[in-house]
Amino acid sequence: MLSDVTDFIEFGTSELQEIDEIGEPIFDDEGNTITYMVSHMNFRNHDEVDGTLITEVKKGKDGVSIKLADKMKALDMLTKYFDLLSEKDKKQLQEEKLKLDIENTKVDSLVITIMVQ
């Protein structure tokens, strides 16, 4: 029931070689190849992913997007209807909510940064 986007996508950076209009490598004045860094995201293989946690996958003009089940909504519903959580579990639930809020803020910031570039 609990997951995060890194269960489905791998993030990283790659160093690529600068090329000219015909695909040949570009070199600096000392003969070294010119490189640049790019960010990338790779979807994990299907055998590494719990598909029951994915509610939607779609391909749009900006690429592929994955929508995960809302874990906080599920946890809130469980605690509302089955008030079985101990104080320790309630504290952990609050910590999970805080972590989710922090992650959502990071994702929003990343999306804004990517859109600006």
C-alpha atoms as a PDB file:
ATOM      1  CA  MET A   1       0.000   0.000   0.000  1.00  0.00           C
ATOM      2  CA  LEU A   2       2.850   2.446   0.763  1.00  0.00           C
ATOM      3  CA  SER A   3       5.167   3.408  -2.068  1.00  0.00           C
ATOM      4  CA  ASP A   4       6.956   6.330  -3.579  1.00  0.00           C
ATOM      5  CA  VAL A   5       7.867   7.289  -7.114  1.00  0.00           C
ATOM      6  CA  THR A   6      11.366   5.783  -6.781  1.00  0.00           C
ATOM      7  CA  ASP A   7       9.714   2.364  -6.614  1.00  0.00           C
ATOM      8  CA  PHE A   8       8.802   2.907 -10.276  1.00  0.00           C
ATOM      9  CA  ILE A   9      11.329   5.357 -11.711  1.00  0.00           C
ATOM     10  CA  GLU A  10      15.094   5.641 -11.432  1.00  0.00           C
ATOM     11  CA  PHE A  11      16.530   9.171 -11.486  1.00  0.00           C
ATOM     12  CA  GLY A  12      20.060  10.150 -12.393  1.00  0.00           C
ATOM     13  CA  THR A  13      22.425  12.191 -14.514  1.00  0.00           C
ATOM     14  CA  SER A  14      24.459  11.238 -17.534  1.00  0.00           C
ATOM     15  CA  GLU A  15      27.450  12.823 -19.182  1.00  0.00           C
ATOM     16  CA  LEU A  16      27.004  13.123 -22.943  1.00  0.00           C
ATOM     17  CA  GLN A  17      29.465  14.056 -25.622  1.00  0.00           C
ATOM     18  CA  GLU A  18      28.804  17.275 -27.544  1.00  0.00           C
ATOM     19  CA  ILE A  19      28.339  16.556 -31.271  1.00  0.00           C
ATOM     20  CA  ASP A  20      28.119  18.738 -34.351  1.00  0.00           C
ATOM     21  CA  GLU A  21      25.323  18.866 -36.918  1.00  0.00           C
ATOM     22  CA  ILE A  22      26.534  15.703 -38.672  1.00  0.00           C
ATOM     23  CA  GLY A  23      26.938  13.715 -35.460  1.00  0.00           C
ATOM     24  CA  GLU A  24      30.707  13.998 -35.075  1.00  0.00           C
ATOM     25  CA  PRO A  25      32.221  14.679 -31.627  1.00  0.00           C
ATOM     26  CA  ILE A  26      33.295  18.233 -30.876  1.00  0.00           C
ATOM     27  CA  PHE A  27      36.734  18.804 -29.331  1.00  0.00           C
ATOM     28  CA  ASP A  28      38.177  21.759 -27.429  1.00  0.00           C
ATOM     29  CA  ASP A  29      41.452  23.513 -28.342  1.00  0.00           C
ATOM     30  CA  GLU A  30      43.452  20.887 -26.445  1.00  0.00           C
ATOM     31  CA  GLY A  31      41.844  17.945 -28.249  1.00  0.00           C
ATOM     32  CA  ASN A  32      39.581  16.877 -25.366  1.00  0.00           C
ATOM     33  CA  THR A  33      35.998  15.959 -26.106  1.00  0.00           C
ATOM     34  CA  ILE A  34      33.432  18.480 -24.941  1.00  0.00           C
ATOM     35  CA  THR A  35      30.765  16.975 -22.714  1.00  0.00           C
ATOM     36  CA  TYR A  36      27.651  18.143 -20.899  1.00  0.00           C
ATOM     37  CA  MET A  37      25.443  16.739 -18.143  1.00  0.00           C
ATOM     38  CA  VAL A  38      21.757  15.867 -18.547  1.00  0.00           C
ATOM     39  CA  SER A  39      19.180  14.582 -16.085  1.00  0.00           C
ATOM     40  CA  HIS A  40      17.283  11.424 -16.937  1.00  0.00           C
ATOM     41  CA  MET A  41      14.477   9.215 -15.656  1.00  0.00           C
ATOM     42  CA  ASN A  42      14.167   5.532 -16.473  1.00  0.00           C
ATOM     43  CA  PHE A  43      11.130   3.399 -15.789  1.00  0.00           C
ATOM     44  CA  ARG A  44      11.913   0.241 -13.868  1.00  0.00           C
ATOM     45  CA  ASN A  45      11.249  -3.141 -15.500  1.00  0.00           C
ATOM     46  CA  HIS A  46       7.755  -4.575 -15.059  1.00  0.00           C
ATOM     47  CA  ASP A  47       9.049  -7.419 -12.898  1.00  0.00           C
ATOM     48  CA  GLU A  48      10.400  -4.871 -10.366  1.00  0.00           C
ATOM     49  CA  VAL A  49       7.121  -2.937 -10.023  1.00  0.00           C
ATOM     50  CA  ASP A  50       4.010  -3.584  -7.920  1.00  0.00           C
ATOM     51  CA  GLY A  51       1.371  -2.694 -10.515  1.00  0.00           C
ATOM     52  CA  THR A  52      -1.438  -2.704  -7.963  1.00  0.00           C
ATOM     53  CA  LEU A  53      -0.177   0.652  -6.699  1.00  0.00           C
ATOM     54  CA  ILE A  54      -0.484   2.340 -10.100  1.00  0.00           C
ATOM     55  CA  THR A  55      -3.855   3.896 -10.887  1.00  0.00           C
ATOM     56  CA  GLU A  56      -2.996   5.425 -14.258  1.00  0.00           C
ATOM     57  CA  VAL A  57      -0.287   5.461 -16.923  1.00  0.00           C
ATOM     58  CA  LYS A  58      -0.637   7.796 -19.869  1.00  0.00           C
ATOM     59  CA  LYS A  59       1.454   9.224 -22.652  1.00  0.00           C
ATOM     60  CA  GLY A  60       0.909  12.843 -23.501  1.00  0.00           C
ATOM     61  CA  LYS A  61       2.646  15.537 -25.487  1.00  0.00           C
ATOM     62  CA  ASP A  62       5.116  16.095 -22.621  1.00  0.00           C
ATOM     63  CA  GLY A  63       5.958  12.400 -22.164  1.00  0.00           C
ATOM     64  CA  VAL A  64       4.738   9.540 -20.007  1.00  0.00           C
ATOM     65  CA  SER A  65       3.138  10.082 -16.590  1.00  0.00           C
ATOM     66  CA  ILE A  66       2.343   7.631 -13.801  1.00  0.00           C
ATOM     67  CA  LYS A  67      -0.326   8.225 -11.185  1.00  0.00           C
ATOM     68  CA  LEU A  68       0.049   6.297  -7.934  1.00  0.00           C
ATOM     69  CA  ALA A  69      -2.695   5.362  -5.516  1.00  0.00           C
ATOM     70  CA  ASP A  70      -3.200   8.023  -2.851  1.00  0.00           C
ATOM     71  CA  LYS A  71      -1.657   6.306   0.170  1.00  0.00           C
ATOM     72  CA  MET A  72      -2.556   9.042   2.619  1.00  0.00           C
ATOM     73  CA  LYS A  73      -6.217   8.916   1.616  1.00  0.00           C
ATOM     74  CA  ALA A  74      -6.200   5.147   2.107  1.00  0.00           C
ATOM     75  CA  LEU A  75      -4.534   5.437   5.512  1.00  0.00           C
ATOM     76  CA  ASP A  76      -6.952   8.180   6.599  1.00  0.00           C
ATOM     77  CA  MET A  77      -9.933   6.028   5.575  1.00  0.00           C
ATOM     78  CA  LEU A  78      -8.545   3.037   7.459  1.00  0.00           C
ATOM     79  CA  THR A  79      -8.024   5.035  10.631  1.00  0.00           C
ATOM     80  CA  LYS A  80     -11.458   6.630  10.332  1.00  0.00           C
ATOM     81  CA  TYR A  81     -13.338   3.352   9.934  1.00  0.00           C
ATOM     82  CA  PHE A  82     -11.044   1.111  11.962  1.00  0.00           C
ATOM     83  CA  ASP A  83      -9.667   3.146  14.821  1.00  0.00           C
ATOM     84  CA  LEU A  84      -7.230   0.372  15.613  1.00  0.00           C
ATOM     85  CA  LEU A  85      -4.004   2.296  15.480  1.00  0.00           C
ATOM     86  CA  SER A  86      -1.869   2.482  18.568  1.00  0.00           C
ATOM     87  CA  GLU A  87      -0.362   5.801  19.606  1.00  0.00           C
ATOM     88  CA  LYS A  88       2.915   4.666  18.040  1.00  0.00           C
ATOM     89  CA  ASP A  89       1.166   3.891  14.734  1.00  0.00           C
ATOM     90  CA  LYS A  90      -0.691   7.213  14.846  1.00  0.00           C
ATOM     91  CA  LYS A  91       2.613   9.005  15.327  1.00  0.00           C
ATOM     92  CA  GLN A  92       4.112   7.055  12.410  1.00  0.00           C
ATOM     93  CA  LEU A  93       1.099   7.996  10.270  1.00  0.00           C
ATOM     94  CA  GLN A  94       1.665  11.672  11.055  1.00  0.00           C
ATOM     95  CA  GLU A  95       5.353  11.277  10.169  1.00  0.00           C
ATOM     96  CA  GLU A  96       4.392   9.646   6.856  1.00  0.00           C
ATOM     97  CA  LYS A  97       2.058  12.551   6.115  1.00  0.00           C
ATOM     98  CA  LEU A  98       4.867  15.005   6.815  1.00  0.00           C
ATOM     99  CA  LYS A  99       7.284  13.050   4.598  1.00  0.00           C
ATOM    100  CA  LEU A 100       4.691  13.020   1.812  1.00  0.00           C
ATOM    101  CA  ASP A 101       4.192  16.773   2.101  1.00  0.00           C
ATOM    102  CA  ILE A 102       7.963  17.282   1.879  1.00  0.00           C
ATOM    103  CA  GLU A 103       8.239  14.967  -1.156  1.00  0.00           C
ATOM    104  CA  ASN A 104       5.317  16.723  -2.874  1.00  0.00           C
ATOM    105  CA  THR A 105       7.071  20.049  -2.347  1.00  0.00           C
ATOM    106  CA  LYS A 106      10.300  18.630  -3.827  1.00  0.00           C
ATOM    107  CA  VAL A 107       8.422  17.211  -6.844  1.00  0.00           C
ATOM    108  CA  ASP A 108       6.601  20.512  -7.400  1.00  0.00           C
ATOM    109  CA  SER A 109       9.947  22.314  -7.248  1.00  0.00           C
ATOM    110  CA  LEU A 110      11.516  19.813  -9.700  1.00  0.00           C
ATOM    111  CA  VAL A 111       8.610  20.182 -12.136  1.00  0.00           C
ATOM    112  CA  ILE A 112       8.881  23.971 -12.015  1.00  0.00           C
ATOM    113  CA  THR A 113      12.654  23.752 -12.540  1.00  0.00           C
ATOM    114  CA  ILE A 114      12.264  21.417 -15.519  1.00  0.00           C
ATOM    115  CA  MET A 115       9.563  23.599 -17.050  1.00  0.00           C
ATOM    116  CA  VAL A 116      11.750  26.721 -16.689  1.00  0.00           C
ATOM    117  CA  GLN A 117      14.708  25.081 -18.412  1.00  0.00           C
END
